[in-house]
Amino acid sequence: MSSLNKKIDILITGAAGTIGSHLTDIMLDAGYNVDGIDDLSYGSMDNLKSAINHPNFNFIKDRVEHLYRNEARFKTYDAIFHFASLKKVWDGSVASTTVMNTNFNMTKAIIEKAKRTSSCKIIFASTSDIYGNSKTFKEDDDITMGPPTNERYSYALSKWHSEQYILNYVKEENVNAAIIRIFGCASSRSNKYWSGGHIPYFVTLALNGDDINIHGDGLQTRSISHSADIAQGFKQAYDNFDKVAGTITNLGTNQQTTVKYVAEYIINKTKSNSKINYIPIKEVFGDYKEILVRFANTEKAEKLLNYTRKYNTEQVIDDIIEGFSK
């Protein structure tokens, strides 16, 4: 462990989640002091078992919105990695208004906290959902979403709103911030249900012998990288902050796999008796225009951050199957 960075204080929101916990391990190994905040609504303390007894780690069970309301509990930080997020799930159990309000209120709290230390760096985790049905997935692409009559856009809009809010502060008040748009990722630390993404959810169903429901024909492609690779990318963004400050950068993989292929791969690997059912998209999402192609355009990250990936998608799935099987 390096001793050079021990006096640098880092805050990671959503620290008990899949990316946040991997980054926690990475930053502790690099010698930083790390505070991790999580209300454990989606994350798990099991993800922090290697960090919880570390002398440089402090866990705070709380909501991110409380960051600037309790100065006695939350010190100032040299950098804030903001992963905590609320995502609307397809079954409607989370209200769209709650998604939009919660995500934006957390962003405001992060900004207010960072403003108390002029040198504090914010690295904000956004989403590839913002791209909608893009063809190139370049960071400077024009953004086109669907009509606000469809609630499914609420999560993407909450992130897009936060991006604009952050970049406004970069220009107006010289806040130090960088935005990272994350394409799909997962690991054995992912939430086992829909909020963790389709791969962890499919693995859970397969291990239980339950049917896997696919929306549409399953030929829509997704790009899924390992959460540890994404976390390493965030560390590289911090190490090269001047190169990405005030801008948007993609992290993910350009390997595409169809949803159908993933389901079949999981069933085969787990030797499951699960069956695949195909549900018409309109039956589930109404007039939502399904994203048919998604891949991470990481040309910028590769050039500026020397960003690479250790895992391919099949290795990600294997890791999740092994972890969930335990």
C-alpha atoms as a PDB file:
ATOM      1  CA  MET A   1       0.000   0.000   0.000  1.00  0.00           C
ATOM      2  CA  SER A   2       1.266   3.436  -0.910  1.00  0.00           C
ATOM      3  CA  SER A   3       1.734   5.961   1.897  1.00  0.00           C
ATOM      4  CA  LEU A   4       1.703   8.975  -0.432  1.00  0.00           C
ATOM      5  CA  ASN A   5      -2.075   9.326  -0.577  1.00  0.00           C
ATOM      6  CA  LYS A   6      -3.063   8.529   3.008  1.00  0.00           C
ATOM      7  CA  LYS A   7      -4.061  12.111   3.804  1.00  0.00           C
ATOM      8  CA  ILE A   8      -6.396  12.394   0.829  1.00  0.00           C
ATOM      9  CA  ASP A   9     -10.025  11.928   1.859  1.00  0.00           C
ATOM     10  CA  ILE A  10     -12.391  10.297  -0.614  1.00  0.00           C
ATOM     11  CA  LEU A  11     -16.180   9.956  -0.387  1.00  0.00           C
ATOM     12  CA  ILE A  12     -17.909   7.206  -2.359  1.00  0.00           C
ATOM     13  CA  THR A  13     -21.707   7.311  -2.473  1.00  0.00           C
ATOM     14  CA  GLY A  14     -23.450   4.017  -3.113  1.00  0.00           C
ATOM     15  CA  ALA A  15     -20.369   2.359  -1.639  1.00  0.00           C
ATOM     16  CA  ALA A  16     -22.174  -0.913  -0.934  1.00  0.00           C
ATOM     17  CA  GLY A  17     -23.266  -1.278  -4.549  1.00  0.00           C
ATOM     18  CA  THR A  18     -21.471  -3.227  -7.230  1.00  0.00           C
ATOM     19  CA  ILE A  19     -19.310  -0.428  -8.700  1.00  0.00           C
ATOM     20  CA  GLY A  20     -18.973   1.536  -5.474  1.00  0.00           C
ATOM     21  CA  SER A  21     -17.684  -1.455  -3.525  1.00  0.00           C
ATOM     22  CA  HIS A  22     -15.140  -2.364  -6.186  1.00  0.00           C
ATOM     23  CA  LEU A  23     -13.901   1.234  -6.254  1.00  0.00           C
ATOM     24  CA  THR A  24     -13.742   1.259  -2.456  1.00  0.00           C
ATOM     25  CA  ASP A  25     -11.361  -1.699  -2.572  1.00  0.00           C
ATOM     26  CA  ILE A  26      -9.278  -0.054  -5.311  1.00  0.00           C
ATOM     27  CA  MET A  27      -8.944   3.277  -3.485  1.00  0.00           C
ATOM     28  CA  LEU A  28      -8.097   1.636  -0.166  1.00  0.00           C
ATOM     29  CA  ASP A  29      -5.431  -0.485  -1.842  1.00  0.00           C
ATOM     30  CA  ALA A  30      -4.003   2.733  -3.296  1.00  0.00           C
ATOM     31  CA  GLY A  31      -3.679   4.225   0.191  1.00  0.00           C
ATOM     32  CA  TYR A  32      -6.576   6.706   0.314  1.00  0.00           C
ATOM     33  CA  ASN A  33      -8.860   7.415   3.255  1.00  0.00           C
ATOM     34  CA  VAL A  34     -12.343   6.381   2.135  1.00  0.00           C
ATOM     35  CA  ASP A  35     -15.742   7.232   3.567  1.00  0.00           C
ATOM     36  CA  GLY A  36     -18.501   5.132   2.023  1.00  0.00           C
ATOM     37  CA  ILE A  37     -22.120   6.220   2.304  1.00  0.00           C
ATOM     38  CA  ASP A  38     -25.051   3.971   1.442  1.00  0.00           C
ATOM     39  CA  ASP A  39     -28.576   3.586   2.795  1.00  0.00           C
ATOM     40  CA  LEU A  40     -28.473  -0.118   1.816  1.00  0.00           C
ATOM     41  CA  SER A  41     -31.733   0.054  -0.125  1.00  0.00           C
ATOM     42  CA  TYR A  42     -29.997  -1.772  -2.992  1.00  0.00           C
ATOM     43  CA  GLY A  43     -26.411  -2.318  -1.859  1.00  0.00           C
ATOM     44  CA  SER A  44     -25.189  -4.958   0.572  1.00  0.00           C
ATOM     45  CA  MET A  45     -22.673  -4.913   3.402  1.00  0.00           C
ATOM     46  CA  ASP A  46     -21.423  -8.248   2.050  1.00  0.00           C
ATOM     47  CA  ASN A  47     -19.874  -6.245  -0.797  1.00  0.00           C
ATOM     48  CA  LEU A  48     -17.761  -4.340   1.733  1.00  0.00           C
ATOM     49  CA  LYS A  49     -16.515  -7.299   3.755  1.00  0.00           C
ATOM     50  CA  SER A  50     -12.925  -6.753   2.597  1.00  0.00           C
ATOM     51  CA  ALA A  51     -13.119  -3.035   3.431  1.00  0.00           C
ATOM     52  CA  ILE A  52     -15.139  -2.844   6.623  1.00  0.00           C
ATOM     53  CA  ASN A  53     -12.231  -3.542   8.986  1.00  0.00           C
ATOM     54  CA  HIS A  54      -9.699  -1.520   7.005  1.00  0.00           C
ATOM     55  CA  PRO A  55      -8.164   1.261   9.149  1.00  0.00           C
ATOM     56  CA  ASN A  56      -8.682   3.823   6.364  1.00  0.00           C
ATOM     57  CA  PHE A  57     -12.352   3.011   5.764  1.00  0.00           C
ATOM     58  CA  ASN A  58     -15.403   4.513   7.419  1.00  0.00           C
ATOM     59  CA  PHE A  59     -18.922   3.378   6.554  1.00  0.00           C
ATOM     60  CA  ILE A  60     -21.868   5.738   6.930  1.00  0.00           C
ATOM     61  CA  LYS A  61     -25.374   4.312   6.712  1.00  0.00           C
ATOM     62  CA  ASP A  62     -27.363   7.316   5.574  1.00  0.00           C
ATOM     63  CA  ARG A  63     -28.961   9.033   2.627  1.00  0.00           C
ATOM     64  CA  VAL A  64     -26.838  11.127   0.304  1.00  0.00           C
ATOM     65  CA  GLU A  65     -29.324  14.002   0.561  1.00  0.00           C
ATOM     66  CA  HIS A  66     -28.193  14.467   4.172  1.00  0.00           C
ATOM     67  CA  LEU A  67     -24.610  15.231   3.161  1.00  0.00           C
ATOM     68  CA  TYR A  68     -24.679  18.984   3.619  1.00  0.00           C
ATOM     69  CA  ARG A  69     -27.266  19.088   6.411  1.00  0.00           C
ATOM     70  CA  ASN A  70     -25.044  17.450   9.012  1.00  0.00           C
ATOM     71  CA  GLU A  71     -21.594  19.018   8.853  1.00  0.00           C
ATOM     72  CA  ALA A  72     -20.552  17.447  12.137  1.00  0.00           C
ATOM     73  CA  ARG A  73     -20.929  13.972  10.669  1.00  0.00           C
ATOM     74  CA  PHE A  74     -19.628  14.570   7.156  1.00  0.00           C
ATOM     75  CA  LYS A  75     -16.207  16.134   6.815  1.00  0.00           C
ATOM     76  CA  THR A  76     -14.909  17.887   3.731  1.00  0.00           C
ATOM     77  CA  TYR A  77     -13.446  15.761   0.957  1.00  0.00           C
ATOM     78  CA  ASP A  78     -10.765  15.984  -1.672  1.00  0.00           C
ATOM     79  CA  ALA A  79     -12.888  13.951  -4.092  1.00  0.00           C
ATOM     80  CA  ILE A  80     -16.444  12.620  -4.291  1.00  0.00           C
ATOM     81  CA  PHE A  81     -17.428   9.664  -6.471  1.00  0.00           C
ATOM     82  CA  HIS A  82     -21.204   9.720  -6.824  1.00  0.00           C
ATOM     83  CA  PHE A  83     -22.734   6.319  -7.668  1.00  0.00           C
ATOM     84  CA  ALA A  84     -25.834   6.308  -5.464  1.00  0.00           C
ATOM     85  CA  SER A  85     -28.924   6.297  -7.637  1.00  0.00           C
ATOM     86  CA  LEU A  86     -32.533   5.260  -7.742  1.00  0.00           C
ATOM     87  CA  LYS A  87     -33.694   3.467 -10.865  1.00  0.00           C
ATOM     88  CA  LYS A  88     -37.281   2.816 -11.836  1.00  0.00           C
ATOM     89  CA  VAL A  89     -37.931  -0.894 -12.230  1.00  0.00           C
ATOM     90  CA  TRP A  90     -40.229  -2.280 -14.883  1.00  0.00           C
ATOM     91  CA  ASP A  91     -42.829  -3.595 -12.435  1.00  0.00           C
ATOM     92  CA  GLY A  92     -43.706  -0.072 -11.294  1.00  0.00           C
ATOM     93  CA  SER A  93     -42.774  -0.647  -7.636  1.00  0.00           C
ATOM     94  CA  VAL A  94     -40.783   2.598  -7.637  1.00  0.00           C
ATOM     95  CA  ALA A  95     -42.649   5.769  -8.619  1.00  0.00           C
ATOM     96  CA  SER A  96     -41.198   7.796 -11.479  1.00  0.00           C
ATOM     97  CA  THR A  97     -41.536  11.041  -9.521  1.00  0.00           C
ATOM     98  CA  THR A  98     -39.521   9.466  -6.705  1.00  0.00           C
ATOM     99  CA  VAL A  99     -36.796   8.468  -9.159  1.00  0.00           C
ATOM    100  CA  MET A 100     -36.502  11.970 -10.598  1.00  0.00           C
ATOM    101  CA  ASN A 101     -36.702  13.821  -7.280  1.00  0.00           C
ATOM    102  CA  THR A 102     -34.332  11.518  -5.393  1.00  0.00           C
ATOM    103  CA  ASN A 103     -31.639  11.437  -8.069  1.00  0.00           C
ATOM    104  CA  PHE A 104     -31.650  15.192  -8.549  1.00  0.00           C
ATOM    105  CA  ASN A 105     -31.716  15.927  -4.805  1.00  0.00           C
ATOM    106  CA  MET A 106     -28.653  13.715  -4.365  1.00  0.00           C
ATOM    107  CA  THR A 107     -26.872  15.626  -7.132  1.00  0.00           C
ATOM    108  CA  LYS A 108     -27.670  18.933  -5.432  1.00  0.00           C
ATOM    109  CA  ALA A 109     -26.319  17.572  -2.154  1.00  0.00           C
ATOM    110  CA  ILE A 110     -23.072  16.520  -3.832  1.00  0.00           C
ATOM    111  CA  ILE A 111     -22.634  19.962  -5.388  1.00  0.00           C
ATOM    112  CA  GLU A 112     -23.291  21.729  -2.088  1.00  0.00           C
ATOM    113  CA  LYS A 113     -20.814  19.458  -0.325  1.00  0.00           C
ATOM    114  CA  ALA A 114     -18.120  19.947  -2.953  1.00  0.00           C
ATOM    115  CA  LYS A 115     -18.526  23.734  -2.903  1.00  0.00           C
ATOM    116  CA  ARG A 116     -17.325  23.777   0.698  1.00  0.00           C
ATOM    117  CA  THR A 117     -13.850  22.760  -0.505  1.00  0.00           C
ATOM    118  CA  SER A 118     -12.747  24.650  -3.590  1.00  0.00           C
ATOM    119  CA  SER A 119     -10.364  21.888  -4.674  1.00  0.00           C
ATOM    120  CA  CYS A 120     -12.850  19.019  -4.258  1.00  0.00           C
ATOM    121  CA  LYS A 121     -13.248  16.901  -7.398  1.00  0.00           C
ATOM    122  CA  ILE A 122     -16.632  15.402  -8.307  1.00  0.00           C
ATOM    123  CA  ILE A 123     -16.777  12.343 -10.523  1.00  0.00           C
ATOM    124  CA  PHE A 124     -20.429  11.779 -11.350  1.00  0.00           C
ATOM    125  CA  ALA A 125     -21.753   8.409 -12.503  1.00  0.00           C
ATOM    126  CA  SER A 126     -24.292   8.902 -15.279  1.00  0.00           C
ATOM    127  CA  THR A 127     -25.883   6.397 -17.616  1.00  0.00           C
ATOM    128  CA  SER A 128     -25.799   5.268 -21.231  1.00  0.00           C
ATOM    129  CA  ASP A 129     -29.620   5.314 -21.120  1.00  0.00           C
ATOM    130  CA  ILE A 130     -29.288   8.982 -22.038  1.00  0.00           C
ATOM    131  CA  TYR A 131     -28.227   8.014 -25.553  1.00  0.00           C
ATOM    132  CA  GLY A 132     -31.550   6.355 -26.362  1.00  0.00           C
ATOM    133  CA  ASN A 133     -31.425   4.806 -29.830  1.00  0.00           C
ATOM    134  CA  SER A 134     -28.101   6.341 -30.798  1.00  0.00           C
ATOM    135  CA  LYS A 135     -26.060   4.935 -33.656  1.00  0.00           C
ATOM    136  CA  THR A 136     -22.573   6.013 -32.571  1.00  0.00           C
ATOM    137  CA  PHE A 137     -22.788   6.557 -28.777  1.00  0.00           C
ATOM    138  CA  LYS A 138     -20.311   9.403 -28.917  1.00  0.00           C
ATOM    139  CA  GLU A 139     -20.140  11.766 -25.966  1.00  0.00           C
ATOM    140  CA  ASP A 140     -20.853  14.836 -28.112  1.00  0.00           C
ATOM    141  CA  ASP A 141     -23.862  13.309 -29.921  1.00  0.00           C
ATOM    142  CA  ASP A 142     -27.170  15.159 -29.920  1.00  0.00           C
ATOM    143  CA  ILE A 143     -29.588  13.466 -27.537  1.00  0.00           C
ATOM    144  CA  THR A 144     -33.057  12.341 -28.581  1.00  0.00           C
ATOM    145  CA  MET A 145     -35.425  10.608 -26.185  1.00  0.00           C
ATOM    146  CA  GLY A 146     -39.053   9.655 -26.431  1.00  0.00           C
ATOM    147  CA  PRO A 147     -42.160  11.523 -25.266  1.00  0.00           C
ATOM    148  CA  PRO A 148     -42.605  12.414 -21.582  1.00  0.00           C
ATOM    149  CA  THR A 149     -45.908  10.543 -21.668  1.00  0.00           C
ATOM    150  CA  ASN A 150     -43.848   7.384 -21.120  1.00  0.00           C
ATOM    151  CA  GLU A 151     -42.529   7.091 -17.568  1.00  0.00           C
ATOM    152  CA  ARG A 152     -39.691   4.757 -18.573  1.00  0.00           C
ATOM    153  CA  TYR A 153     -37.583   7.786 -19.548  1.00  0.00           C
ATOM    154  CA  SER A 154     -37.620   9.138 -15.976  1.00  0.00           C
ATOM    155  CA  TYR A 155     -34.329   7.573 -14.930  1.00  0.00           C
ATOM    156  CA  ALA A 156     -32.437   8.757 -18.009  1.00  0.00           C
ATOM    157  CA  LEU A 157     -33.964  12.218 -17.695  1.00  0.00           C
ATOM    158  CA  SER A 158     -32.969  12.456 -14.034  1.00  0.00           C
ATOM    159  CA  LYS A 159     -29.356  11.726 -15.001  1.00  0.00           C
ATOM    160  CA  TRP A 160     -29.436  14.084 -17.969  1.00  0.00           C
ATOM    161  CA  HIS A 161     -30.845  16.837 -15.755  1.00  0.00           C
ATOM    162  CA  SER A 162     -28.066  16.205 -13.225  1.00  0.00           C
ATOM    163  CA  GLU A 163     -25.419  16.345 -15.952  1.00  0.00           C
ATOM    164  CA  GLN A 164     -26.630  19.762 -17.091  1.00  0.00           C
ATOM    165  CA  TYR A 165     -26.852  20.995 -13.501  1.00  0.00           C
ATOM    166  CA  ILE A 166     -23.275  19.895 -12.781  1.00  0.00           C
ATOM    167  CA  LEU A 167     -21.843  21.362 -15.980  1.00  0.00           C
ATOM    168  CA  ASN A 168     -23.638  24.649 -15.275  1.00  0.00           C
ATOM    169  CA  TYR A 169     -21.811  24.818 -11.944  1.00  0.00           C
ATOM    170  CA  VAL A 170     -18.538  23.980 -13.658  1.00  0.00           C
ATOM    171  CA  LYS A 171     -18.956  27.071 -15.839  1.00  0.00           C
ATOM    172  CA  GLU A 172     -20.660  29.411 -13.378  1.00  0.00           C
ATOM    173  CA  GLU A 173     -18.879  28.657 -10.105  1.00  0.00           C
ATOM    174  CA  ASN A 174     -15.738  26.777 -11.167  1.00  0.00           C
ATOM    175  CA  VAL A 175     -16.835  23.520  -9.551  1.00  0.00           C
ATOM    176  CA  ASN A 176     -14.401  20.710 -10.390  1.00  0.00           C
ATOM    177  CA  ALA A 177     -16.429  17.913 -11.946  1.00  0.00           C
ATOM    178  CA  ALA A 178     -16.283  15.178 -14.554  1.00  0.00           C
ATOM    179  CA  ILE A 179     -19.168  13.067 -15.842  1.00  0.00           C
ATOM    180  CA  ILE A 180     -18.829   9.365 -16.641  1.00  0.00           C
ATOM    181  CA  ARG A 181     -21.600   7.671 -18.602  1.00  0.00           C
ATOM    182  CA  ILE A 182     -21.657   4.000 -17.655  1.00  0.00           C
ATOM    183  CA  PHE A 183     -22.778   1.337 -20.071  1.00  0.00           C
ATOM    184  CA  GLY A 184     -24.060  -1.957 -18.686  1.00  0.00           C
ATOM    185  CA  CYS A 185     -21.947  -3.670 -16.061  1.00  0.00           C
ATOM    186  CA  ALA A 186     -22.324  -6.309 -13.387  1.00  0.00           C
ATOM    187  CA  SER A 187     -20.404  -8.605 -11.071  1.00  0.00           C
ATOM    188  CA  SER A 188     -21.061 -11.171  -8.356  1.00  0.00           C
ATOM    189  CA  ARG A 189     -21.689  -8.145  -6.099  1.00  0.00           C
ATOM    190  CA  SER A 190     -24.678  -7.000  -8.152  1.00  0.00           C
ATOM    191  CA  ASN A 191     -28.185  -6.898  -6.757  1.00  0.00           C
ATOM    192  CA  LYS A 192     -29.785 -10.233  -7.676  1.00  0.00           C
ATOM    193  CA  TYR A 193     -32.982  -8.737  -8.975  1.00  0.00           C
ATOM    194  CA  TRP A 194     -34.039  -6.369 -11.752  1.00  0.00           C
ATOM    195  CA  SER A 195     -32.272  -3.324 -10.302  1.00  0.00           C
ATOM    196  CA  GLY A 196     -28.962  -5.168 -10.805  1.00  0.00           C
ATOM    197  CA  GLY A 197     -29.521  -5.504 -14.551  1.00  0.00           C
ATOM    198  CA  HIS A 198     -30.711  -8.326 -16.761  1.00  0.00           C
ATOM    199  CA  ILE A 199     -27.709 -10.642 -16.318  1.00  0.00           C
ATOM    200  CA  PRO A 200     -27.800 -10.917 -12.489  1.00  0.00           C
ATOM    201  CA  TYR A 201     -31.576 -11.247 -12.664  1.00  0.00           C
ATOM    202  CA  PHE A 202     -31.420 -13.975 -15.300  1.00  0.00           C
ATOM    203  CA  VAL A 203     -28.795 -15.850 -13.257  1.00  0.00           C
ATOM    204  CA  THR A 204     -31.014 -15.674 -10.170  1.00  0.00           C
ATOM    205  CA  LEU A 205     -33.987 -17.043 -12.125  1.00  0.00           C
ATOM    206  CA  ALA A 206     -31.920 -19.808 -13.711  1.00  0.00           C
ATOM    207  CA  LEU A 207     -30.444 -20.952 -10.402  1.00  0.00           C
ATOM    208  CA  ASN A 208     -33.970 -21.089  -8.970  1.00  0.00           C
ATOM    209  CA  GLY A 209     -35.307 -22.941 -12.011  1.00  0.00           C
ATOM    210  CA  ASP A 210     -37.735 -20.121 -12.767  1.00  0.00           C
ATOM    211  CA  ASP A 211     -38.714 -19.053 -16.267  1.00  0.00           C
ATOM    212  CA  ILE A 212     -36.831 -16.154 -17.861  1.00  0.00           C
ATOM    213  CA  ASN A 213     -39.069 -13.568 -19.484  1.00  0.00           C
ATOM    214  CA  ILE A 214     -37.529 -11.623 -22.368  1.00  0.00           C
ATOM    215  CA  HIS A 215     -39.088  -8.448 -23.699  1.00  0.00           C
ATOM    216  CA  GLY A 216     -39.528  -8.644 -27.464  1.00  0.00           C
ATOM    217  CA  ASP A 217     -37.654 -11.174 -29.590  1.00  0.00           C
ATOM    218  CA  GLY A 218     -34.471 -10.966 -27.498  1.00  0.00           C
ATOM    219  CA  LEU A 219     -32.335  -9.882 -30.437  1.00  0.00           C
ATOM    220  CA  GLN A 220     -31.698  -6.435 -28.986  1.00  0.00           C
ATOM    221  CA  THR A 221     -28.014  -6.106 -28.106  1.00  0.00           C
ATOM    222  CA  ARG A 222     -26.455  -4.911 -24.882  1.00  0.00           C
ATOM    223  CA  SER A 223     -22.854  -4.416 -23.782  1.00  0.00           C
ATOM    224  CA  ILE A 224     -21.994  -5.739 -20.343  1.00  0.00           C
ATOM    225  CA  SER A 225     -18.600  -5.254 -18.721  1.00  0.00           C
ATOM    226  CA  HIS A 226     -17.335  -6.212 -15.280  1.00  0.00           C
ATOM    227  CA  SER A 227     -18.029  -3.721 -12.504  1.00  0.00           C
ATOM    228  CA  ALA A 228     -14.390  -3.963 -11.418  1.00  0.00           C
ATOM    229  CA  ASP A 229     -13.320  -2.773 -14.878  1.00  0.00           C
ATOM    230  CA  ILE A 230     -15.716   0.172 -14.616  1.00  0.00           C
ATOM    231  CA  ALA A 231     -14.429   0.977 -11.118  1.00  0.00           C
ATOM    232  CA  GLN A 232     -10.860   0.941 -12.410  1.00  0.00           C
ATOM    233  CA  GLY A 233     -11.949   3.365 -15.121  1.00  0.00           C
ATOM    234  CA  PHE A 234     -13.222   5.746 -12.447  1.00  0.00           C
ATOM    235  CA  LYS A 235      -9.876   5.511 -10.675  1.00  0.00           C
ATOM    236  CA  GLN A 236      -8.156   6.350 -13.964  1.00  0.00           C
ATOM    237  CA  ALA A 237     -10.500   9.318 -14.401  1.00  0.00           C
ATOM    238  CA  TYR A 238      -9.474  10.550 -10.948  1.00  0.00           C
ATOM    239  CA  ASP A 239      -5.782  10.045 -11.703  1.00  0.00           C
ATOM    240  CA  ASN A 240      -6.165  11.960 -14.988  1.00  0.00           C
ATOM    241  CA  PHE A 241      -8.789  14.414 -13.807  1.00  0.00           C
ATOM    242  CA  ASP A 242      -7.452  17.372 -15.769  1.00  0.00           C
ATOM    243  CA  LYS A 243      -8.062  15.436 -18.999  1.00  0.00           C
ATOM    244  CA  VAL A 244     -11.755  14.790 -18.318  1.00  0.00           C
ATOM    245  CA  ALA A 245     -12.767  17.722 -16.102  1.00  0.00           C
ATOM    246  CA  GLY A 246     -15.830  19.561 -17.369  1.00  0.00           C
ATOM    247  CA  THR A 247     -16.557  16.861 -19.948  1.00  0.00           C
ATOM    248  CA  ILE A 248     -18.466  13.609 -20.463  1.00  0.00           C
ATOM    249  CA  THR A 249     -16.648  10.278 -20.915  1.00  0.00           C
ATOM    250  CA  ASN A 250     -18.031   6.805 -21.646  1.00  0.00           C
ATOM    251  CA  LEU A 251     -16.968   3.646 -19.807  1.00  0.00           C
ATOM    252  CA  GLY A 252     -18.013   0.144 -20.777  1.00  0.00           C
ATOM    253  CA  THR A 253     -17.324  -2.444 -23.443  1.00  0.00           C
ATOM    254  CA  ASN A 254     -17.943  -2.476 -27.176  1.00  0.00           C
ATOM    255  CA  GLN A 255     -18.694  -6.218 -27.081  1.00  0.00           C
ATOM    256  CA  GLN A 256     -22.356  -6.701 -27.952  1.00  0.00           C
ATOM    257  CA  THR A 257     -24.459  -9.687 -26.936  1.00  0.00           C
ATOM    258  CA  THR A 258     -28.148 -10.232 -27.564  1.00  0.00           C
ATOM    259  CA  VAL A 259     -30.458 -10.643 -24.600  1.00  0.00           C
ATOM    260  CA  LYS A 260     -31.497 -14.019 -26.032  1.00  0.00           C
ATOM    261  CA  TYR A 261     -27.884 -15.220 -26.235  1.00  0.00           C
ATOM    262  CA  VAL A 262     -27.256 -14.193 -22.630  1.00  0.00           C
ATOM    263  CA  ALA A 263     -30.327 -16.087 -21.396  1.00  0.00           C
ATOM    264  CA  GLU A 264     -29.370 -19.213 -23.350  1.00  0.00           C
ATOM    265  CA  TYR A 265     -25.758 -18.995 -22.149  1.00  0.00           C
ATOM    266  CA  ILE A 266     -26.865 -18.727 -18.518  1.00  0.00           C
ATOM    267  CA  ILE A 267     -29.308 -21.631 -18.773  1.00  0.00           C
ATOM    268  CA  ASN A 268     -26.621 -23.786 -20.360  1.00  0.00           C
ATOM    269  CA  LYS A 269     -23.932 -22.824 -17.833  1.00  0.00           C
ATOM    270  CA  THR A 270     -26.172 -23.396 -14.821  1.00  0.00           C
ATOM    271  CA  LYS A 271     -27.722 -26.552 -16.308  1.00  0.00           C
ATOM    272  CA  SER A 272     -31.060 -25.002 -15.440  1.00  0.00           C
ATOM    273  CA  ASN A 273     -34.526 -26.236 -16.367  1.00  0.00           C
ATOM    274  CA  SER A 274     -35.677 -22.646 -16.854  1.00  0.00           C
ATOM    275  CA  LYS A 275     -37.619 -21.849 -19.988  1.00  0.00           C
ATOM    276  CA  ILE A 276     -37.453 -18.626 -21.988  1.00  0.00           C
ATOM    277  CA  ASN A 277     -40.700 -16.741 -22.569  1.00  0.00           C
ATOM    278  CA  TYR A 278     -40.962 -13.884 -25.041  1.00  0.00           C
ATOM    279  CA  ILE A 279     -43.236 -11.028 -23.945  1.00  0.00           C
ATOM    280  CA  PRO A 280     -44.320  -8.354 -26.466  1.00  0.00           C
ATOM    281  CA  ILE A 281     -42.576  -5.089 -25.642  1.00  0.00           C
ATOM    282  CA  LYS A 282     -45.760  -3.061 -25.968  1.00  0.00           C
ATOM    283  CA  GLU A 283     -47.428  -5.298 -23.398  1.00  0.00           C
ATOM    284  CA  VAL A 284     -44.754  -4.379 -20.861  1.00  0.00           C
ATOM    285  CA  PHE A 285     -43.687  -0.840 -21.757  1.00  0.00           C
ATOM    286  CA  GLY A 286     -46.508   0.615 -23.839  1.00  0.00           C
ATOM    287  CA  ASP A 287     -45.242   3.166 -26.364  1.00  0.00           C
ATOM    288  CA  TYR A 288     -41.657   3.015 -25.111  1.00  0.00           C
ATOM    289  CA  LYS A 289     -39.280   2.648 -28.060  1.00  0.00           C
ATOM    290  CA  GLU A 290     -37.018  -0.252 -27.167  1.00  0.00           C
ATOM    291  CA  ILE A 291     -33.285   0.315 -27.570  1.00  0.00           C
ATOM    292  CA  LEU A 292     -32.290  -2.242 -30.195  1.00  0.00           C
ATOM    293  CA  VAL A 293     -28.522  -1.704 -30.224  1.00  0.00           C
ATOM    294  CA  ARG A 294     -26.225  -0.652 -27.422  1.00  0.00           C
ATOM    295  CA  PHE A 295     -22.457  -0.711 -27.226  1.00  0.00           C
ATOM    296  CA  ALA A 296     -19.957   1.449 -25.395  1.00  0.00           C
ATOM    297  CA  ASN A 297     -18.006   3.828 -27.587  1.00  0.00           C
ATOM    298  CA  THR A 298     -14.882   4.133 -25.424  1.00  0.00           C
ATOM    299  CA  GLU A 299     -12.535   5.782 -27.926  1.00  0.00           C
ATOM    300  CA  LYS A 300     -12.224   8.855 -25.705  1.00  0.00           C
ATOM    301  CA  ALA A 301     -11.525   6.865 -22.516  1.00  0.00           C
ATOM    302  CA  GLU A 302      -8.979   4.690 -24.281  1.00  0.00           C
ATOM    303  CA  LYS A 303      -7.177   7.749 -25.630  1.00  0.00           C
ATOM    304  CA  LEU A 304      -7.251   9.965 -22.537  1.00  0.00           C
ATOM    305  CA  LEU A 305      -7.232   7.403 -19.722  1.00  0.00           C
ATOM    306  CA  ASN A 306      -5.594   4.384 -21.363  1.00  0.00           C
ATOM    307  CA  TYR A 307      -8.786   2.577 -20.397  1.00  0.00           C
ATOM    308  CA  THR A 308      -8.791  -1.195 -20.925  1.00  0.00           C
ATOM    309  CA  ARG A 309     -10.930  -4.125 -19.817  1.00  0.00           C
ATOM    310  CA  LYS A 310      -9.837  -7.398 -18.222  1.00  0.00           C
ATOM    311  CA  TYR A 311     -13.140  -9.264 -18.591  1.00  0.00           C
ATOM    312  CA  ASN A 312     -15.297 -10.124 -21.579  1.00  0.00           C
ATOM    313  CA  THR A 313     -19.038 -10.549 -21.200  1.00  0.00           C
ATOM    314  CA  GLU A 314     -18.948 -14.330 -20.843  1.00  0.00           C
ATOM    315  CA  GLN A 315     -16.394 -13.997 -18.039  1.00  0.00           C
ATOM    316  CA  VAL A 316     -18.689 -11.505 -16.316  1.00  0.00           C
ATOM    317  CA  ILE A 317     -21.550 -14.001 -16.506  1.00  0.00           C
ATOM    318  CA  ASP A 318     -19.333 -16.818 -15.211  1.00  0.00           C
ATOM    319  CA  ASP A 319     -18.259 -14.653 -12.261  1.00  0.00           C
ATOM    320  CA  ILE A 320     -21.885 -13.913 -11.374  1.00  0.00           C
ATOM    321  CA  ILE A 321     -22.927 -17.555 -11.658  1.00  0.00           C
ATOM    322  CA  GLU A 322     -20.067 -18.625  -9.400  1.00  0.00           C
ATOM    323  CA  GLY A 323     -20.774 -15.904  -6.852  1.00  0.00           C
ATOM    324  CA  PHE A 324     -24.543 -16.404  -6.774  1.00  0.00           C
ATOM    325  CA  SER A 325     -24.165 -20.188  -6.601  1.00  0.00           C
ATOM    326  CA  LYS A 326     -22.414 -19.778  -3.264  1.00  0.00           C
END
